[in-house]
Amino acid sequence: MKPSANTSQNSEERGVLEQYMLPFLNVSSQFPLYPGKNSAITEAALLGWTEQELEQARANLQENARQAALELLKEDDIVDQLDALPFDGEECIAILGDSISLDAQGWVYILGHLLDIGKEQINIRWINASQAYDTTTDALRRLDRDVLVHNPDWVIIALGTFDAQRLAIYPDRTLIPLSETWENIQAIQDILDQTLEHPPLWVSPAAVITDLLTEHALYDFSIQPEDLTAVQDVVTGKIGGIVDPKAERMGENGPQAWHYIPDGLHHSLTGHMQTVREVIKTLVEIDQKGFANIMDEEA
């Protein structure tokens, strides 16, 4: 018997699901050993929707990402940088991240559409090994199972934001101590150094609008600027391509609200487009300079 959808769901509840739940729902990656992991019926039932409603909502997210890619292709700098990317067209690119990179209309999928549309004869295999709200501890534990097993040519790491959270029930410390964040990031670096031909890309954690996050009813934690800055320093100190080394892509004078959804944590389409611009720029710099630890010399 098929699970039935929740017909009593009101428009406000549906809006919350569409904005804060669906983009970060990935049952197959969260429960890889479960036989029903690829069941659309199961995922729809979790949301209280029909299969058709889920299919349409996901199609909308995919189209949003595609349209964002088309907007980026109107920029001359992006077109020029695409031609200079260090790809032969047959790469496997893996992303190890949290819910910001898991977002179904986020920068990972915008980047995928951008390369598919903007470059000819390209056949990149994408592995988005991101998990919602993952810390560096969570990601390190599953690095082998979710990333290395695919033998990627490139790995993009987008972690650290959720290490800096302070739980509302106990705000006296960050969830992951900074020393543990450093050790986790260093362990990931050491493992990738032994595995990859190309240097990893480290995406600096973007700023968070703390007031919006703290006031949001869905979350039981806060992220303070000083805690996140400390994590940013750890990430941008690694060896590899450093994406947005100053962590200012959401605004040079502080994060701009239009780059975020209303929680002040996850990114809007314009915010994700900012990350795509920085990732493309960093890939080109790696190819041009021919060595790792690519940081802005003026940073």
C-alpha atoms as a PDB file:
ATOM      1  CA  MET A   1       0.000   0.000   0.000  1.00  0.00           C
ATOM      2  CA  LYS A   2       1.363   3.420  -0.950  1.00  0.00           C
ATOM      3  CA  PRO A   3       1.694   6.031   1.800  1.00  0.00           C
ATOM      4  CA  SER A   4      -0.918   8.726   1.401  1.00  0.00           C
ATOM      5  CA  ALA A   5      -0.082  12.418   1.273  1.00  0.00           C
ATOM      6  CA  ASN A   6      -1.112  14.746   4.076  1.00  0.00           C
ATOM      7  CA  THR A   7      -4.034  16.626   2.592  1.00  0.00           C
ATOM      8  CA  SER A   8      -4.365  18.868   5.667  1.00  0.00           C
ATOM      9  CA  GLN A   9      -1.041  20.606   5.037  1.00  0.00           C
ATOM     10  CA  ASN A  10      -1.641  24.359   4.813  1.00  0.00           C
ATOM     11  CA  SER A  11       0.199  26.795   2.581  1.00  0.00           C
ATOM     12  CA  GLU A  12       2.479  28.016   5.381  1.00  0.00           C
ATOM     13  CA  GLU A  13       3.567  24.487   6.257  1.00  0.00           C
ATOM     14  CA  ARG A  14       4.169  23.703   2.609  1.00  0.00           C
ATOM     15  CA  GLY A  15       6.237  26.860   2.223  1.00  0.00           C
ATOM     16  CA  VAL A  16       8.453  25.815   5.131  1.00  0.00           C
ATOM     17  CA  LEU A  17       8.955  22.376   3.596  1.00  0.00           C
ATOM     18  CA  GLU A  18       9.772  23.798   0.171  1.00  0.00           C
ATOM     19  CA  GLN A  19      12.295  26.319   1.496  1.00  0.00           C
ATOM     20  CA  TYR A  20      13.907  24.612   4.483  1.00  0.00           C
ATOM     21  CA  MET A  21      13.408  20.860   4.041  1.00  0.00           C
ATOM     22  CA  LEU A  22      13.156  19.765   0.410  1.00  0.00           C
ATOM     23  CA  PRO A  23      16.374  21.383  -0.906  1.00  0.00           C
ATOM     24  CA  PHE A  24      18.389  19.513   1.729  1.00  0.00           C
ATOM     25  CA  LEU A  25      16.548  16.163   1.620  1.00  0.00           C
ATOM     26  CA  ASN A  26      18.674  13.355   0.206  1.00  0.00           C
ATOM     27  CA  VAL A  27      17.613  10.012   1.636  1.00  0.00           C
ATOM     28  CA  SER A  28      19.806   7.960  -0.698  1.00  0.00           C
ATOM     29  CA  SER A  29      23.034   9.580   0.503  1.00  0.00           C
ATOM     30  CA  GLN A  30      22.035   9.746   4.154  1.00  0.00           C
ATOM     31  CA  PHE A  31      21.027   6.085   4.289  1.00  0.00           C
ATOM     32  CA  PRO A  32      23.180   4.426   1.602  1.00  0.00           C
ATOM     33  CA  LEU A  33      22.653   0.849   2.846  1.00  0.00           C
ATOM     34  CA  TYR A  34      18.855   0.955   2.962  1.00  0.00           C
ATOM     35  CA  PRO A  35      17.150  -0.917   0.081  1.00  0.00           C
ATOM     36  CA  GLY A  36      14.461   1.755  -0.183  1.00  0.00           C
ATOM     37  CA  LYS A  37      16.869   4.668  -0.377  1.00  0.00           C
ATOM     38  CA  ASN A  38      15.887   5.572  -3.954  1.00  0.00           C
ATOM     39  CA  SER A  39      12.147   5.371  -3.414  1.00  0.00           C
ATOM     40  CA  ALA A  40      10.389   8.571  -4.459  1.00  0.00           C
ATOM     41  CA  ILE A  41       7.297   7.305  -2.660  1.00  0.00           C
ATOM     42  CA  THR A  42       9.198   7.213   0.625  1.00  0.00           C
ATOM     43  CA  GLU A  43      10.659  10.695   0.194  1.00  0.00           C
ATOM     44  CA  ALA A  44       7.286  12.120  -0.776  1.00  0.00           C
ATOM     45  CA  ALA A  45       5.692  10.533   2.278  1.00  0.00           C
ATOM     46  CA  LEU A  46       8.279  12.174   4.552  1.00  0.00           C
ATOM     47  CA  LEU A  47       7.079  15.539   3.256  1.00  0.00           C
ATOM     48  CA  GLY A  48       3.413  14.598   3.276  1.00  0.00           C
ATOM     49  CA  TRP A  49       3.266  14.980  -0.514  1.00  0.00           C
ATOM     50  CA  THR A  50       2.379  12.843  -3.488  1.00  0.00           C
ATOM     51  CA  GLU A  51       5.065  11.553  -5.834  1.00  0.00           C
ATOM     52  CA  GLN A  52       3.875  14.010  -8.464  1.00  0.00           C
ATOM     53  CA  GLU A  53       4.165  16.949  -6.076  1.00  0.00           C
ATOM     54  CA  LEU A  54       7.695  15.923  -5.135  1.00  0.00           C
ATOM     55  CA  GLU A  55       8.704  15.466  -8.767  1.00  0.00           C
ATOM     56  CA  GLN A  56       7.389  18.909  -9.710  1.00  0.00           C
ATOM     57  CA  ALA A  57       9.018  20.638  -6.739  1.00  0.00           C
ATOM     58  CA  ARG A  58      12.385  19.045  -7.518  1.00  0.00           C
ATOM     59  CA  ALA A  59      12.049  19.979 -11.174  1.00  0.00           C
ATOM     60  CA  ASN A  60      11.496  23.585 -10.089  1.00  0.00           C
ATOM     61  CA  LEU A  61      14.712  23.533  -8.048  1.00  0.00           C
ATOM     62  CA  GLN A  62      16.660  22.088 -10.965  1.00  0.00           C
ATOM     63  CA  GLU A  63      15.279  24.727 -13.296  1.00  0.00           C
ATOM     64  CA  ASN A  64      16.223  27.466 -10.826  1.00  0.00           C
ATOM     65  CA  ALA A  65      19.807  26.199 -10.853  1.00  0.00           C
ATOM     66  CA  ARG A  66      19.830  26.036 -14.653  1.00  0.00           C
ATOM     67  CA  GLN A  67      18.507  29.579 -14.985  1.00  0.00           C
ATOM     68  CA  ALA A  68      21.168  30.813 -12.551  1.00  0.00           C
ATOM     69  CA  ALA A  69      23.818  29.173 -14.745  1.00  0.00           C
ATOM     70  CA  LEU A  70      22.397  30.902 -17.808  1.00  0.00           C
ATOM     71  CA  GLU A  71      22.605  34.244 -16.000  1.00  0.00           C
ATOM     72  CA  LEU A  72      26.261  33.609 -15.190  1.00  0.00           C
ATOM     73  CA  LEU A  73      26.969  32.809 -18.835  1.00  0.00           C
ATOM     74  CA  LYS A  74      26.009  36.392 -19.675  1.00  0.00           C
ATOM     75  CA  GLU A  75      29.161  37.554 -17.856  1.00  0.00           C
ATOM     76  CA  ASP A  76      32.245  37.892 -20.050  1.00  0.00           C
ATOM     77  CA  ASP A  77      34.599  36.990 -17.208  1.00  0.00           C
ATOM     78  CA  ILE A  78      32.798  33.703 -16.630  1.00  0.00           C
ATOM     79  CA  VAL A  79      32.887  32.779 -20.323  1.00  0.00           C
ATOM     80  CA  ASP A  80      36.619  33.518 -20.494  1.00  0.00           C
ATOM     81  CA  GLN A  81      37.303  31.540 -17.332  1.00  0.00           C
ATOM     82  CA  LEU A  82      35.371  28.522 -18.587  1.00  0.00           C
ATOM     83  CA  ASP A  83      37.747  28.327 -21.540  1.00  0.00           C
ATOM     84  CA  ALA A  84      40.707  28.359 -19.142  1.00  0.00           C
ATOM     85  CA  LEU A  85      39.529  25.621 -16.761  1.00  0.00           C
ATOM     86  CA  PRO A  86      42.036  22.801 -16.153  1.00  0.00           C
ATOM     87  CA  PHE A  87      39.642  20.061 -17.287  1.00  0.00           C
ATOM     88  CA  ASP A  88      39.906  17.602 -20.161  1.00  0.00           C
ATOM     89  CA  GLY A  89      36.180  16.886 -20.003  1.00  0.00           C
ATOM     90  CA  GLU A  90      36.224  13.423 -18.410  1.00  0.00           C
ATOM     91  CA  GLU A  91      36.865  14.304 -14.767  1.00  0.00           C
ATOM     92  CA  CYS A  92      35.153  13.076 -11.638  1.00  0.00           C
ATOM     93  CA  ILE A  93      34.586  15.977  -9.248  1.00  0.00           C
ATOM     94  CA  ALA A  94      33.494  15.276  -5.666  1.00  0.00           C
ATOM     95  CA  ILE A  95      32.151  17.769  -3.158  1.00  0.00           C
ATOM     96  CA  LEU A  96      32.459  17.100   0.567  1.00  0.00           C
ATOM     97  CA  GLY A  97      30.240  19.561   2.349  1.00  0.00           C
ATOM     98  CA  ASP A  98      27.232  20.390   4.478  1.00  0.00           C
ATOM     99  CA  SER A  99      23.683  21.530   3.748  1.00  0.00           C
ATOM    100  CA  ILE A 100      24.845  24.698   1.975  1.00  0.00           C
ATOM    101  CA  SER A 101      26.487  22.625  -0.763  1.00  0.00           C
ATOM    102  CA  LEU A 102      23.767  19.946  -0.602  1.00  0.00           C
ATOM    103  CA  ASP A 103      21.106  22.510  -1.587  1.00  0.00           C
ATOM    104  CA  ALA A 104      19.298  21.152  -4.651  1.00  0.00           C
ATOM    105  CA  GLN A 105      19.386  24.573  -6.329  1.00  0.00           C
ATOM    106  CA  GLY A 106      22.761  25.486  -4.864  1.00  0.00           C
ATOM    107  CA  TRP A 107      26.214  26.266  -6.172  1.00  0.00           C
ATOM    108  CA  VAL A 108      27.153  22.645  -6.893  1.00  0.00           C
ATOM    109  CA  TYR A 109      24.243  22.222  -9.299  1.00  0.00           C
ATOM    110  CA  ILE A 110      24.597  25.702 -10.775  1.00  0.00           C
ATOM    111  CA  LEU A 111      28.255  24.885 -11.475  1.00  0.00           C
ATOM    112  CA  GLY A 112      27.245  21.606 -13.102  1.00  0.00           C
ATOM    113  CA  HIS A 113      24.761  23.335 -15.405  1.00  0.00           C
ATOM    114  CA  LEU A 114      27.298  26.059 -16.137  1.00  0.00           C
ATOM    115  CA  LEU A 115      29.865  23.561 -17.385  1.00  0.00           C
ATOM    116  CA  ASP A 116      27.319  21.463 -19.277  1.00  0.00           C
ATOM    117  CA  ILE A 117      25.957  24.485 -21.124  1.00  0.00           C
ATOM    118  CA  GLY A 118      29.110  26.578 -21.422  1.00  0.00           C
ATOM    119  CA  LYS A 119      31.697  23.994 -22.456  1.00  0.00           C
ATOM    120  CA  GLU A 120      31.516  21.669 -25.445  1.00  0.00           C
ATOM    121  CA  GLN A 121      32.325  17.965 -25.313  1.00  0.00           C
ATOM    122  CA  ILE A 122      32.425  17.761 -21.555  1.00  0.00           C
ATOM    123  CA  ASN A 123      31.386  14.710 -19.572  1.00  0.00           C
ATOM    124  CA  ILE A 124      32.090  15.455 -15.931  1.00  0.00           C
ATOM    125  CA  ARG A 125      30.867  13.003 -13.301  1.00  0.00           C
ATOM    126  CA  TRP A 126      29.666  14.832 -10.197  1.00  0.00           C
ATOM    127  CA  ILE A 127      29.621  13.280  -6.726  1.00  0.00           C
ATOM    128  CA  ASN A 128      27.882  15.563  -4.257  1.00  0.00           C
ATOM    129  CA  ALA A 129      28.849  13.927  -0.977  1.00  0.00           C
ATOM    130  CA  SER A 130      27.381  16.712   1.149  1.00  0.00           C
ATOM    131  CA  GLN A 131      25.145  16.053   4.128  1.00  0.00           C
ATOM    132  CA  ALA A 132      22.804  18.462   5.853  1.00  0.00           C
ATOM    133  CA  TYR A 133      24.334  20.239   8.857  1.00  0.00           C
ATOM    134  CA  ASP A 134      27.543  18.169   8.780  1.00  0.00           C
ATOM    135  CA  THR A 135      30.497  19.210  10.892  1.00  0.00           C
ATOM    136  CA  THR A 136      34.091  18.444   9.959  1.00  0.00           C
ATOM    137  CA  THR A 137      33.917  15.495  12.367  1.00  0.00           C
ATOM    138  CA  ASP A 138      30.949  14.034  10.498  1.00  0.00           C
ATOM    139  CA  ALA A 139      32.585  14.574   7.117  1.00  0.00           C
ATOM    140  CA  LEU A 140      35.933  13.061   8.089  1.00  0.00           C
ATOM    141  CA  ARG A 141      34.178   9.897   9.237  1.00  0.00           C
ATOM    142  CA  ARG A 142      32.574   9.330   5.835  1.00  0.00           C
ATOM    143  CA  LEU A 143      35.334  10.666   3.571  1.00  0.00           C
ATOM    144  CA  ASP A 144      36.384   7.209   2.394  1.00  0.00           C
ATOM    145  CA  ARG A 145      32.885   5.774   1.957  1.00  0.00           C
ATOM    146  CA  ASP A 146      31.318   8.764   0.240  1.00  0.00           C
ATOM    147  CA  VAL A 147      34.220  10.369  -1.656  1.00  0.00           C
ATOM    148  CA  LEU A 148      37.379   8.312  -2.112  1.00  0.00           C
ATOM    149  CA  VAL A 149      35.497   5.207  -3.222  1.00  0.00           C
ATOM    150  CA  HIS A 150      34.636   7.098  -6.433  1.00  0.00           C
ATOM    151  CA  ASN A 151      38.309   7.815  -7.271  1.00  0.00           C
ATOM    152  CA  PRO A 152      37.712  11.535  -7.885  1.00  0.00           C
ATOM    153  CA  ASP A 153      40.115  13.672  -9.884  1.00  0.00           C
ATOM    154  CA  TRP A 154      39.185  16.807  -7.957  1.00  0.00           C
ATOM    155  CA  VAL A 155      37.709  17.263  -4.477  1.00  0.00           C
ATOM    156  CA  ILE A 156      36.048  20.455  -3.276  1.00  0.00           C
ATOM    157  CA  ILE A 157      35.686  20.761   0.500  1.00  0.00           C
ATOM    158  CA  ALA A 158      33.009  23.119   1.812  1.00  0.00           C
ATOM    159  CA  LEU A 159      32.897  22.570   5.561  1.00  0.00           C
ATOM    160  CA  GLY A 160      33.223  24.373   8.873  1.00  0.00           C
ATOM    161  CA  THR A 161      30.052  26.416   9.225  1.00  0.00           C
ATOM    162  CA  PHE A 162      28.359  23.951  11.548  1.00  0.00           C
ATOM    163  CA  ASP A 163      31.465  23.402  13.662  1.00  0.00           C
ATOM    164  CA  ALA A 164      30.945  26.973  14.866  1.00  0.00           C
ATOM    165  CA  GLN A 165      27.382  26.528  16.107  1.00  0.00           C
ATOM    166  CA  ARG A 166      26.535  27.133  19.750  1.00  0.00           C
ATOM    167  CA  LEU A 167      23.549  25.158  20.974  1.00  0.00           C
ATOM    168  CA  ALA A 168      20.761  27.189  22.548  1.00  0.00           C
ATOM    169  CA  ILE A 169      20.619  24.718  25.421  1.00  0.00           C
ATOM    170  CA  TYR A 170      24.354  25.196  26.130  1.00  0.00           C
ATOM    171  CA  PRO A 171      25.844  28.279  24.474  1.00  0.00           C
ATOM    172  CA  ASP A 172      29.071  28.301  26.509  1.00  0.00           C
ATOM    173  CA  ARG A 173      31.109  26.518  23.805  1.00  0.00           C
ATOM    174  CA  THR A 174      31.009  25.761  20.102  1.00  0.00           C
ATOM    175  CA  LEU A 175      29.707  22.335  19.172  1.00  0.00           C
ATOM    176  CA  ILE A 176      33.115  21.365  17.785  1.00  0.00           C
ATOM    177  CA  PRO A 177      36.105  22.899  19.608  1.00  0.00           C
ATOM    178  CA  LEU A 178      38.378  24.876  17.312  1.00  0.00           C
ATOM    179  CA  SER A 179      41.282  22.527  18.043  1.00  0.00           C
ATOM    180  CA  GLU A 180      39.184  19.588  16.830  1.00  0.00           C
ATOM    181  CA  THR A 181      38.159  21.497  13.711  1.00  0.00           C
ATOM    182  CA  TRP A 182      41.859  22.072  12.977  1.00  0.00           C
ATOM    183  CA  GLU A 183      42.659  18.388  13.489  1.00  0.00           C
ATOM    184  CA  ASN A 184      39.741  17.262  11.310  1.00  0.00           C
ATOM    185  CA  ILE A 185      40.656  19.627   8.484  1.00  0.00           C
ATOM    186  CA  GLN A 186      44.309  18.591   8.715  1.00  0.00           C
ATOM    187  CA  ALA A 187      43.326  14.917   8.585  1.00  0.00           C
ATOM    188  CA  ILE A 188      41.237  15.531   5.462  1.00  0.00           C
ATOM    189  CA  GLN A 189      44.195  17.413   3.951  1.00  0.00           C
ATOM    190  CA  ASP A 190      46.613  14.566   4.736  1.00  0.00           C
ATOM    191  CA  ILE A 191      44.305  11.927   3.273  1.00  0.00           C
ATOM    192  CA  LEU A 192      43.682  13.886   0.077  1.00  0.00           C
ATOM    193  CA  ASP A 193      47.396  14.644  -0.336  1.00  0.00           C
ATOM    194  CA  GLN A 194      48.007  10.903  -0.500  1.00  0.00           C
ATOM    195  CA  THR A 195      45.127  10.280  -2.872  1.00  0.00           C
ATOM    196  CA  LEU A 196      44.667  13.115  -5.368  1.00  0.00           C
ATOM    197  CA  GLU A 197      46.726  14.181  -8.342  1.00  0.00           C
ATOM    198  CA  HIS A 198      45.238  17.689  -8.231  1.00  0.00           C
ATOM    199  CA  PRO A 199      45.205  19.997  -5.191  1.00  0.00           C
ATOM    200  CA  PRO A 200      41.918  20.097  -3.285  1.00  0.00           C
ATOM    201  CA  LEU A 201      39.745  23.206  -3.290  1.00  0.00           C
ATOM    202  CA  TRP A 202      38.832  24.620   0.115  1.00  0.00           C
ATOM    203  CA  VAL A 203      35.702  26.779   0.142  1.00  0.00           C
ATOM    204  CA  SER A 204      35.821  29.239   3.021  1.00  0.00           C
ATOM    205  CA  PRO A 205      32.666  29.172   5.176  1.00  0.00           C
ATOM    206  CA  ALA A 206      30.525  32.134   4.167  1.00  0.00           C
ATOM    207  CA  ALA A 207      29.431  34.690   6.732  1.00  0.00           C
ATOM    208  CA  VAL A 208      26.161  34.126   8.588  1.00  0.00           C
ATOM    209  CA  ILE A 209      23.581  36.774   9.496  1.00  0.00           C
ATOM    210  CA  THR A 210      23.520  35.921  13.186  1.00  0.00           C
ATOM    211  CA  ASP A 211      20.392  37.861  14.163  1.00  0.00           C
ATOM    212  CA  LEU A 212      18.261  36.142  11.522  1.00  0.00           C
ATOM    213  CA  LEU A 213      19.554  32.705  12.465  1.00  0.00           C
ATOM    214  CA  THR A 214      19.111  33.214  16.202  1.00  0.00           C
ATOM    215  CA  GLU A 215      15.538  34.438  15.801  1.00  0.00           C
ATOM    216  CA  HIS A 216      14.502  31.675  13.403  1.00  0.00           C
ATOM    217  CA  ALA A 217      12.021  29.191  14.881  1.00  0.00           C
ATOM    218  CA  LEU A 218      13.468  26.157  13.086  1.00  0.00           C
ATOM    219  CA  TYR A 219      16.918  26.306  14.643  1.00  0.00           C
ATOM    220  CA  ASP A 220      18.148  25.553  18.143  1.00  0.00           C
ATOM    221  CA  PHE A 221      21.624  26.998  17.691  1.00  0.00           C
ATOM    222  CA  SER A 222      23.412  30.227  16.856  1.00  0.00           C
ATOM    223  CA  ILE A 223      26.639  31.008  15.001  1.00  0.00           C
ATOM    224  CA  GLN A 224      28.631  33.966  16.276  1.00  0.00           C
ATOM    225  CA  PRO A 225      30.864  35.943  13.877  1.00  0.00           C
ATOM    226  CA  GLU A 226      33.994  35.521  15.989  1.00  0.00           C
ATOM    227  CA  ASP A 227      33.540  31.735  16.125  1.00  0.00           C
ATOM    228  CA  LEU A 228      33.038  31.500  12.380  1.00  0.00           C
ATOM    229  CA  THR A 229      36.022  33.758  11.689  1.00  0.00           C
ATOM    230  CA  ALA A 230      38.246  31.382  13.644  1.00  0.00           C
ATOM    231  CA  VAL A 231      37.032  28.455  11.534  1.00  0.00           C
ATOM    232  CA  GLN A 232      37.505  30.469   8.347  1.00  0.00           C
ATOM    233  CA  ASP A 233      41.132  31.044   9.337  1.00  0.00           C
ATOM    234  CA  VAL A 234      41.653  27.293   9.722  1.00  0.00           C
ATOM    235  CA  VAL A 235      40.125  26.495   6.339  1.00  0.00           C
ATOM    236  CA  THR A 236      41.904  29.225   4.397  1.00  0.00           C
ATOM    237  CA  GLY A 237      45.234  28.181   5.885  1.00  0.00           C
ATOM    238  CA  LYS A 238      45.197  24.814   4.136  1.00  0.00           C
ATOM    239  CA  ILE A 239      47.212  23.730   1.102  1.00  0.00           C
ATOM    240  CA  GLY A 240      45.269  23.817  -2.150  1.00  0.00           C
ATOM    241  CA  GLY A 241      43.025  26.194  -3.989  1.00  0.00           C
ATOM    242  CA  ILE A 242      41.468  28.602  -1.505  1.00  0.00           C
ATOM    243  CA  VAL A 243      38.013  29.677  -2.640  1.00  0.00           C
ATOM    244  CA  ASP A 244      37.204  33.191  -1.395  1.00  0.00           C
ATOM    245  CA  PRO A 245      40.191  33.506   0.986  1.00  0.00           C
ATOM    246  CA  LYS A 246      38.800  36.625   2.672  1.00  0.00           C
ATOM    247  CA  ALA A 247      35.350  35.011   3.107  1.00  0.00           C
ATOM    248  CA  GLU A 248      33.754  38.161   1.700  1.00  0.00           C
ATOM    249  CA  ARG A 249      31.773  36.771  -1.236  1.00  0.00           C
ATOM    250  CA  MET A 250      28.471  37.579   0.476  1.00  0.00           C
ATOM    251  CA  GLY A 251      29.511  41.208   0.998  1.00  0.00           C
ATOM    252  CA  GLU A 252      32.803  43.013   1.570  1.00  0.00           C
ATOM    253  CA  ASN A 253      31.316  45.064   4.414  1.00  0.00           C
ATOM    254  CA  GLY A 254      29.306  42.264   5.954  1.00  0.00           C
ATOM    255  CA  PRO A 255      26.830  39.718   4.598  1.00  0.00           C
ATOM    256  CA  GLN A 256      24.079  41.153   2.392  1.00  0.00           C
ATOM    257  CA  ALA A 257      20.592  39.828   3.124  1.00  0.00           C
ATOM    258  CA  TRP A 258      19.669  39.184  -0.517  1.00  0.00           C
ATOM    259  CA  HIS A 259      22.344  36.474  -0.694  1.00  0.00           C
ATOM    260  CA  TYR A 260      20.456  34.417   1.913  1.00  0.00           C
ATOM    261  CA  ILE A 261      17.107  32.794   2.483  1.00  0.00           C
ATOM    262  CA  PRO A 262      15.320  34.174   5.582  1.00  0.00           C
ATOM    263  CA  ASP A 263      17.289  32.027   8.038  1.00  0.00           C
ATOM    264  CA  GLY A 264      20.458  34.062   7.392  1.00  0.00           C
ATOM    265  CA  LEU A 265      22.378  30.790   7.097  1.00  0.00           C
ATOM    266  CA  HIS A 266      21.565  29.069   3.817  1.00  0.00           C
ATOM    267  CA  HIS A 267      22.034  30.894   0.555  1.00  0.00           C
ATOM    268  CA  SER A 268      19.662  32.288  -2.030  1.00  0.00           C
ATOM    269  CA  LEU A 269      20.330  31.836  -5.734  1.00  0.00           C
ATOM    270  CA  THR A 270      22.372  35.045  -5.817  1.00  0.00           C
ATOM    271  CA  GLY A 271      24.448  33.820  -2.889  1.00  0.00           C
ATOM    272  CA  HIS A 272      25.122  30.491  -4.566  1.00  0.00           C
ATOM    273  CA  MET A 273      26.077  32.325  -7.757  1.00  0.00           C
ATOM    274  CA  GLN A 274      28.686  34.228  -5.758  1.00  0.00           C
ATOM    275  CA  THR A 275      30.224  30.926  -4.684  1.00  0.00           C
ATOM    276  CA  VAL A 276      30.249  29.633  -8.269  1.00  0.00           C
ATOM    277  CA  ARG A 277      32.139  32.740  -9.394  1.00  0.00           C
ATOM    278  CA  GLU A 278      34.772  32.158  -6.725  1.00  0.00           C
ATOM    279  CA  VAL A 279      35.125  28.428  -7.449  1.00  0.00           C
ATOM    280  CA  ILE A 280      35.631  29.051 -11.173  1.00  0.00           C
ATOM    281  CA  LYS A 281      38.160  31.794 -10.433  1.00  0.00           C
ATOM    282  CA  THR A 282      40.140  29.534  -8.100  1.00  0.00           C
ATOM    283  CA  LEU A 283      40.235  26.636 -10.566  1.00  0.00           C
ATOM    284  CA  VAL A 284      41.663  28.923 -13.230  1.00  0.00           C
ATOM    285  CA  GLU A 285      44.269  30.290 -10.798  1.00  0.00           C
ATOM    286  CA  ILE A 286      45.428  26.772  -9.958  1.00  0.00           C
ATOM    287  CA  ASP A 287      45.935  26.031 -13.635  1.00  0.00           C
ATOM    288  CA  GLN A 288      47.726  29.309 -14.338  1.00  0.00           C
ATOM    289  CA  LYS A 289      50.042  29.315 -11.326  1.00  0.00           C
ATOM    290  CA  GLY A 290      50.779  25.619 -11.428  1.00  0.00           C
ATOM    291  CA  PHE A 291      51.031  25.155  -7.657  1.00  0.00           C
ATOM    292  CA  ALA A 292      48.822  24.809  -4.631  1.00  0.00           C
ATOM    293  CA  ASN A 293      48.094  27.131  -1.695  1.00  0.00           C
ATOM    294  CA  ILE A 294      46.411  29.582  -4.056  1.00  0.00           C
ATOM    295  CA  MET A 295      45.497  32.587  -1.935  1.00  0.00           C
ATOM    296  CA  ASP A 296      44.919  36.187  -2.869  1.00  0.00           C
ATOM    297  CA  GLU A 297      48.324  37.816  -2.461  1.00  0.00           C
ATOM    298  CA  GLU A 298      46.646  40.926  -1.085  1.00  0.00           C
ATOM    299  CA  ALA A 299      44.670  38.966   1.519  1.00  0.00           C
END
